[in-house]
Amino acid sequence: MWTWNKSPEAVFVAACKEGRKTESTQAKSAVEDWFKWARQRVVIAMSGEVVYTPDGEAVALQEMMRRYPVGE
């Protein structure tokens, strides 16, 4: 169980040992999962927070994730 009575470093180490994911790790994983899905359908590349469509259009990652949720 998380406790902030310990240092942030101690909490992080405990979370790693227990296999818990941090919020940023979960967000990164969601983006990676979306990109793997989208690469087969609607995008050809990603650079930072921008994805590129087959037409060469550069679109903000979050916008594309909103337009094309995984599975649709």
C-alpha atoms as a PDB file:
ATOM      1  CA  MET A   1       0.000   0.000   0.000  1.00  0.00           C
ATOM      2  CA  TRP A   2       1.251   3.480  -0.875  1.00  0.00           C
ATOM      3  CA  THR A   3       2.196   5.772   1.923  1.00  0.00           C
ATOM      4  CA  TRP A   4       3.556   9.277   1.593  1.00  0.00           C
ATOM      5  CA  ASN A   5       5.017   9.163   5.099  1.00  0.00           C
ATOM      6  CA  LYS A   6       8.069   7.804   3.272  1.00  0.00           C
ATOM      7  CA  SER A   7      10.212   9.695   0.825  1.00  0.00           C
ATOM      8  CA  PRO A   8       8.992   9.828  -2.806  1.00  0.00           C
ATOM      9  CA  GLU A   9      12.021   7.717  -3.731  1.00  0.00           C
ATOM     10  CA  ALA A  10      11.019   4.999  -1.265  1.00  0.00           C
ATOM     11  CA  VAL A  11       7.463   5.001  -2.605  1.00  0.00           C
ATOM     12  CA  PHE A  12       8.761   4.748  -6.183  1.00  0.00           C
ATOM     13  CA  VAL A  13      11.083   1.859  -5.327  1.00  0.00           C
ATOM     14  CA  ALA A  14       8.270   0.024  -3.533  1.00  0.00           C
ATOM     15  CA  ALA A  15       5.940   0.545  -6.515  1.00  0.00           C
ATOM     16  CA  CYS A  16       8.579  -0.821  -8.895  1.00  0.00           C
ATOM     17  CA  LYS A  17       9.154  -3.870  -6.712  1.00  0.00           C
ATOM     18  CA  GLU A  18       5.399  -4.496  -6.624  1.00  0.00           C
ATOM     19  CA  GLY A  19       5.091  -4.025 -10.392  1.00  0.00           C
ATOM     20  CA  ARG A  20       2.798  -0.996 -10.192  1.00  0.00           C
ATOM     21  CA  LYS A  21       2.773   1.476 -13.057  1.00  0.00           C
ATOM     22  CA  THR A  22       3.004   5.207 -12.502  1.00  0.00           C
ATOM     23  CA  GLU A  23       0.519   7.550 -14.186  1.00  0.00           C
ATOM     24  CA  SER A  24       3.090   8.619 -16.776  1.00  0.00           C
ATOM     25  CA  THR A  25       3.931   4.985 -17.509  1.00  0.00           C
ATOM     26  CA  GLN A  26       0.238   4.204 -17.956  1.00  0.00           C
ATOM     27  CA  ALA A  27      -0.194   7.207 -20.269  1.00  0.00           C
ATOM     28  CA  LYS A  28       2.868   6.225 -22.289  1.00  0.00           C
ATOM     29  CA  SER A  29       1.567   2.675 -22.556  1.00  0.00           C
ATOM     30  CA  ALA A  30      -1.827   3.950 -23.777  1.00  0.00           C
ATOM     31  CA  VAL A  31      -0.118   6.044 -26.475  1.00  0.00           C
ATOM     32  CA  GLU A  32       2.058   3.115 -27.528  1.00  0.00           C
ATOM     33  CA  ASP A  33      -0.974   0.826 -27.720  1.00  0.00           C
ATOM     34  CA  TRP A  34      -2.920   3.417 -29.728  1.00  0.00           C
ATOM     35  CA  PHE A  35      -0.012   3.993 -32.129  1.00  0.00           C
ATOM     36  CA  LYS A  36       0.414   0.262 -32.764  1.00  0.00           C
ATOM     37  CA  TRP A  37      -3.288   0.075 -33.606  1.00  0.00           C
ATOM     38  CA  ALA A  38      -3.350   3.308 -35.630  1.00  0.00           C
ATOM     39  CA  ARG A  39      -0.229   2.476 -37.628  1.00  0.00           C
ATOM     40  CA  GLN A  40      -2.168  -0.354 -39.248  1.00  0.00           C
ATOM     41  CA  ARG A  41      -5.035   2.000 -40.129  1.00  0.00           C
ATOM     42  CA  VAL A  42      -4.669   5.789 -40.074  1.00  0.00           C
ATOM     43  CA  VAL A  43      -1.083   6.985 -39.460  1.00  0.00           C
ATOM     44  CA  ILE A  44       2.342   6.289 -40.892  1.00  0.00           C
ATOM     45  CA  ALA A  45       4.623   7.876 -38.302  1.00  0.00           C
ATOM     46  CA  MET A  46       4.810   9.705 -34.988  1.00  0.00           C
ATOM     47  CA  SER A  47       7.258  12.286 -33.736  1.00  0.00           C
ATOM     48  CA  GLY A  48       6.784  13.567 -30.214  1.00  0.00           C
ATOM     49  CA  GLU A  49       3.191  14.740 -29.883  1.00  0.00           C
ATOM     50  CA  VAL A  50       2.514  14.747 -33.655  1.00  0.00           C
ATOM     51  CA  VAL A  51       1.380  11.921 -35.937  1.00  0.00           C
ATOM     52  CA  TYR A  52       1.490  11.873 -39.716  1.00  0.00           C
ATOM     53  CA  THR A  53      -1.276  10.563 -41.944  1.00  0.00           C
ATOM     54  CA  PRO A  54      -0.655   8.731 -45.230  1.00  0.00           C
ATOM     55  CA  ASP A  55      -1.466  12.068 -46.977  1.00  0.00           C
ATOM     56  CA  GLY A  56       1.463  13.687 -45.164  1.00  0.00           C
ATOM     57  CA  GLU A  57      -0.771  15.730 -42.866  1.00  0.00           C
ATOM     58  CA  ALA A  58       0.725  16.460 -39.424  1.00  0.00           C
ATOM     59  CA  VAL A  59      -1.913  16.196 -36.688  1.00  0.00           C
ATOM     60  CA  ALA A  60      -1.636  16.535 -32.910  1.00  0.00           C
ATOM     61  CA  LEU A  61      -1.469  13.120 -31.274  1.00  0.00           C
ATOM     62  CA  GLN A  62      -4.282  13.846 -28.801  1.00  0.00           C
ATOM     63  CA  GLU A  63      -6.548  15.024 -31.633  1.00  0.00           C
ATOM     64  CA  MET A  64      -5.964  11.824 -33.598  1.00  0.00           C
ATOM     65  CA  MET A  65      -6.520   9.722 -30.490  1.00  0.00           C
ATOM     66  CA  ARG A  66      -9.840  11.538 -30.038  1.00  0.00           C
ATOM     67  CA  ARG A  67     -10.832  11.111 -33.703  1.00  0.00           C
ATOM     68  CA  TYR A  68      -9.815   7.462 -33.888  1.00  0.00           C
ATOM     69  CA  PRO A  69     -10.247   5.621 -30.601  1.00  0.00           C
ATOM     70  CA  VAL A  70      -8.722   2.141 -30.517  1.00  0.00           C
ATOM     71  CA  GLY A  71     -11.041  -0.434 -31.992  1.00  0.00           C
ATOM     72  CA  GLU A  72     -13.120   1.835 -34.218  1.00  0.00           C
END
